[in-house]
Structures are given as C-alpha cells and as structure tokens.
N, C-alpha and C. Protein backbone atom coordinates (compact mmCIF):
# COMPACT_ATOMS: atom_id res chain seq x y z
N MET A 1 5.44 -43.04 0.65
CA MET A 1 4.79 -41.85 0.24
C MET A 1 3.46 -41.61 0.96
N LYS A 2 3.44 -41.97 2.25
CA LYS A 2 2.20 -41.82 3.00
C LYS A 2 1.73 -40.35 3.05
N GLU A 3 2.71 -39.43 3.29
CA GLU A 3 2.38 -38.04 3.40
C GLU A 3 1.66 -37.48 2.17
N TYR A 4 1.93 -38.02 1.04
CA TYR A 4 1.34 -37.51 -0.19
C TYR A 4 0.23 -38.38 -0.78
N ARG A 5 -0.39 -39.17 0.12
CA ARG A 5 -1.43 -40.04 -0.34
C ARG A 5 -2.60 -39.33 -0.99
N ALA A 6 -2.93 -38.08 -0.46
CA ALA A 6 -4.01 -37.32 -1.04
C ALA A 6 -3.65 -36.79 -2.40
N THR A 7 -2.40 -36.32 -2.48
CA THR A 7 -1.91 -35.79 -3.76
C THR A 7 -1.94 -36.89 -4.79
N LEU A 8 -1.51 -38.05 -4.51
CA LEU A 8 -1.44 -39.16 -5.40
C LEU A 8 -2.84 -39.62 -5.79
N ARG A 9 -3.74 -39.59 -4.84
CA ARG A 9 -5.13 -39.94 -5.13
C ARG A 9 -5.76 -38.94 -6.08
N LEU A 10 -5.49 -37.69 -5.81
CA LEU A 10 -6.00 -36.67 -6.70
C LEU A 10 -5.43 -36.81 -8.14
N LEU A 11 -4.20 -36.99 -8.23
CA LEU A 11 -3.64 -37.23 -9.66
C LEU A 11 -4.22 -38.51 -10.29
N TYR A 12 -4.47 -39.53 -9.51
CA TYR A 12 -5.11 -40.73 -10.02
C TYR A 12 -6.54 -40.38 -10.49
N ASP A 13 -7.26 -39.73 -9.72
CA ASP A 13 -8.66 -39.35 -10.12
C ASP A 13 -8.69 -38.47 -11.37
N TYR A 14 -7.74 -37.49 -11.46
CA TYR A 14 -7.61 -36.72 -12.66
C TYR A 14 -7.39 -37.65 -13.86
N ASP A 15 -6.45 -38.56 -13.69
CA ASP A 15 -6.09 -39.44 -14.80
C ASP A 15 -7.39 -40.26 -15.25
N ARG A 16 -8.13 -40.81 -14.32
CA ARG A 16 -9.31 -41.58 -14.55
C ARG A 16 -10.38 -40.65 -15.28
N ALA A 17 -10.47 -39.41 -14.86
CA ALA A 17 -11.39 -38.43 -15.47
C ALA A 17 -11.03 -38.23 -16.90
N LEU A 18 -9.77 -38.15 -17.20
CA LEU A 18 -9.31 -37.90 -18.59
C LEU A 18 -9.53 -39.10 -19.41
N VAL A 19 -9.45 -40.30 -18.86
CA VAL A 19 -9.77 -41.56 -19.60
C VAL A 19 -11.27 -41.57 -19.95
N ASP A 20 -12.12 -41.09 -18.93
CA ASP A 20 -13.56 -40.98 -19.24
C ASP A 20 -13.92 -39.99 -20.35
N VAL A 21 -13.17 -38.86 -20.34
CA VAL A 21 -13.43 -37.83 -21.31
C VAL A 21 -13.09 -38.48 -22.77
N ILE A 22 -11.95 -39.13 -22.84
CA ILE A 22 -11.56 -39.70 -24.08
C ILE A 22 -12.59 -40.78 -24.59
N GLN A 23 -13.05 -41.59 -23.67
CA GLN A 23 -14.12 -42.59 -24.05
C GLN A 23 -15.41 -41.90 -24.46
N PHE A 24 -15.76 -40.82 -23.78
CA PHE A 24 -17.00 -40.08 -24.06
C PHE A 24 -16.89 -39.47 -25.52
N LEU A 25 -15.74 -38.81 -25.72
CA LEU A 25 -15.59 -38.21 -27.02
C LEU A 25 -15.58 -39.23 -28.21
N ASP A 26 -14.87 -40.28 -27.95
CA ASP A 26 -14.80 -41.33 -29.02
C ASP A 26 -16.27 -42.00 -29.24
N SER A 27 -16.93 -42.15 -28.17
CA SER A 27 -18.24 -42.85 -28.26
C SER A 27 -19.32 -41.88 -28.92
N HIS A 28 -19.05 -40.56 -28.92
CA HIS A 28 -19.91 -39.69 -29.54
C HIS A 28 -19.44 -39.06 -30.86
N LYS A 29 -18.48 -39.84 -31.44
CA LYS A 29 -17.91 -39.48 -32.75
C LYS A 29 -17.24 -38.06 -32.77
N HIS A 30 -16.49 -37.76 -31.69
CA HIS A 30 -15.74 -36.54 -31.64
C HIS A 30 -14.21 -36.81 -31.50
N SER A 31 -13.83 -37.95 -32.20
CA SER A 31 -12.39 -38.28 -32.15
C SER A 31 -11.43 -37.35 -32.78
N ASN A 32 -12.05 -36.49 -33.71
CA ASN A 32 -11.17 -35.58 -34.49
C ASN A 32 -11.21 -34.14 -34.02
N GLN A 33 -11.77 -33.92 -32.75
CA GLN A 33 -11.89 -32.58 -32.21
C GLN A 33 -10.52 -32.19 -31.58
N PRO A 34 -10.24 -30.90 -31.61
CA PRO A 34 -9.01 -30.49 -30.93
C PRO A 34 -8.94 -30.80 -29.51
N ILE A 35 -10.05 -30.73 -28.72
CA ILE A 35 -9.98 -31.12 -27.33
C ILE A 35 -9.64 -32.56 -27.04
N ARG A 36 -9.99 -33.37 -27.99
CA ARG A 36 -9.61 -34.88 -27.92
C ARG A 36 -8.13 -34.97 -28.01
N GLU A 37 -7.51 -34.25 -28.82
CA GLU A 37 -6.01 -34.31 -29.02
C GLU A 37 -5.32 -33.74 -27.83
N THR A 38 -5.88 -32.72 -27.18
CA THR A 38 -5.29 -32.12 -25.95
C THR A 38 -5.41 -33.10 -24.78
N VAL A 39 -6.60 -33.75 -24.62
CA VAL A 39 -6.68 -34.67 -23.57
C VAL A 39 -5.82 -35.96 -23.77
N ASP A 40 -5.66 -36.31 -25.01
CA ASP A 40 -4.79 -37.45 -25.29
C ASP A 40 -3.30 -37.11 -24.97
N LYS A 41 -2.84 -35.92 -25.31
CA LYS A 41 -1.55 -35.56 -24.98
C LYS A 41 -1.28 -35.58 -23.46
N LEU A 42 -2.24 -35.09 -22.74
CA LEU A 42 -2.03 -35.08 -21.27
C LEU A 42 -2.10 -36.48 -20.68
N LEU A 43 -2.95 -37.31 -21.23
CA LEU A 43 -3.09 -38.65 -20.69
C LEU A 43 -2.02 -39.56 -21.07
N ASN A 44 -1.61 -39.47 -22.36
CA ASN A 44 -0.81 -40.57 -22.90
C ASN A 44 0.64 -40.11 -23.24
N HIS A 45 0.92 -38.80 -23.23
CA HIS A 45 2.22 -38.42 -23.74
C HIS A 45 2.87 -37.39 -22.73
N SER A 46 2.71 -37.64 -21.42
CA SER A 46 3.29 -36.79 -20.51
C SER A 46 4.09 -37.68 -19.42
N ASP A 47 4.64 -38.77 -19.93
CA ASP A 47 5.34 -39.69 -19.01
C ASP A 47 6.52 -38.93 -18.30
N LYS A 48 7.23 -38.09 -19.01
CA LYS A 48 8.36 -37.39 -18.37
C LYS A 48 7.82 -36.46 -17.27
N LEU A 49 6.73 -35.78 -17.48
CA LEU A 49 6.24 -34.89 -16.43
C LEU A 49 5.70 -35.78 -15.24
N LYS A 50 5.03 -36.95 -15.49
CA LYS A 50 4.59 -37.71 -14.44
C LYS A 50 5.77 -38.33 -13.55
N LYS A 51 6.89 -38.58 -14.24
CA LYS A 51 8.08 -39.12 -13.55
C LYS A 51 8.63 -37.99 -12.70
N ALA A 52 8.71 -36.78 -13.25
CA ALA A 52 9.16 -35.60 -12.48
C ALA A 52 8.30 -35.35 -11.23
N VAL A 53 7.05 -35.58 -11.35
CA VAL A 53 6.19 -35.43 -10.15
C VAL A 53 6.46 -36.49 -9.07
N GLU A 54 6.67 -37.68 -9.52
CA GLU A 54 7.03 -38.74 -8.59
C GLU A 54 8.33 -38.46 -7.92
N LEU A 55 9.32 -38.03 -8.57
CA LEU A 55 10.57 -37.59 -8.10
C LEU A 55 10.50 -36.48 -7.15
N GLU A 56 9.73 -35.51 -7.49
CA GLU A 56 9.55 -34.37 -6.55
C GLU A 56 8.89 -34.80 -5.24
N LEU A 57 7.87 -35.59 -5.36
CA LEU A 57 7.19 -36.12 -4.13
C LEU A 57 8.17 -36.90 -3.28
N GLN A 58 8.99 -37.78 -3.93
CA GLN A 58 9.98 -38.56 -3.16
C GLN A 58 11.01 -37.62 -2.52
N SER A 59 11.42 -36.61 -3.20
CA SER A 59 12.47 -35.67 -2.61
C SER A 59 11.87 -34.96 -1.39
N HIS A 60 10.63 -34.58 -1.43
CA HIS A 60 9.99 -33.94 -0.29
C HIS A 60 9.87 -34.86 0.84
N GLU A 61 9.68 -36.11 0.56
CA GLU A 61 9.47 -37.09 1.63
C GLU A 61 10.76 -37.45 2.25
N THR A 62 11.83 -37.60 1.53
CA THR A 62 13.11 -38.02 2.06
C THR A 62 13.98 -36.80 2.42
N GLY A 63 13.66 -35.64 1.91
CA GLY A 63 14.45 -34.52 2.11
C GLY A 63 15.71 -34.47 1.23
N VAL A 64 15.72 -35.32 0.29
CA VAL A 64 16.92 -35.37 -0.69
C VAL A 64 16.43 -34.65 -1.91
N ARG A 65 17.26 -33.80 -2.43
CA ARG A 65 16.85 -33.13 -3.71
C ARG A 65 17.28 -34.01 -4.89
N THR A 66 16.41 -33.94 -5.93
CA THR A 66 16.66 -34.73 -7.07
C THR A 66 16.90 -33.68 -8.23
N THR A 67 17.59 -34.14 -9.23
CA THR A 67 17.91 -33.28 -10.47
C THR A 67 17.36 -33.96 -11.59
N GLU A 68 17.05 -33.23 -12.67
CA GLU A 68 16.66 -33.75 -13.93
C GLU A 68 17.81 -33.78 -14.81
C-alpha cells in the first residue's frame, strides 16, 4: 500500500486525534456530553467502515474490485 501511505497516515492521525479528544473530555468531566458519544462511535464502533476503507485502498492498488 505504498501509494496510499499519505492516506493511511492521515487516517491514523485522525484516529489519534479522536483518542486525544476522548481523553480530554473524560479528564474534564465531560463524559456524559453528546459530543463524547459521537467521538466514541467514530473511534470505537466503525470497524466495518474501517475495513471497507482498507478493501477500497487495496482494490485501487491491485486494480481488483472488491464487493461487500
């Protein structure tokens, strides 16, 4: 996945930023705020979407179409 190294790096950086947001909210007693739930869903409950992104990147790299 050399061609998509920048894309993967960006996704990793977004993921790390979401972790930081969760930690900040929790440390400032904002665990019950709606934004905390939104960030948590993106960070911890989007495995299917993350897998779809991986498959999409692989299909572009290999030229093989993947289906869900």
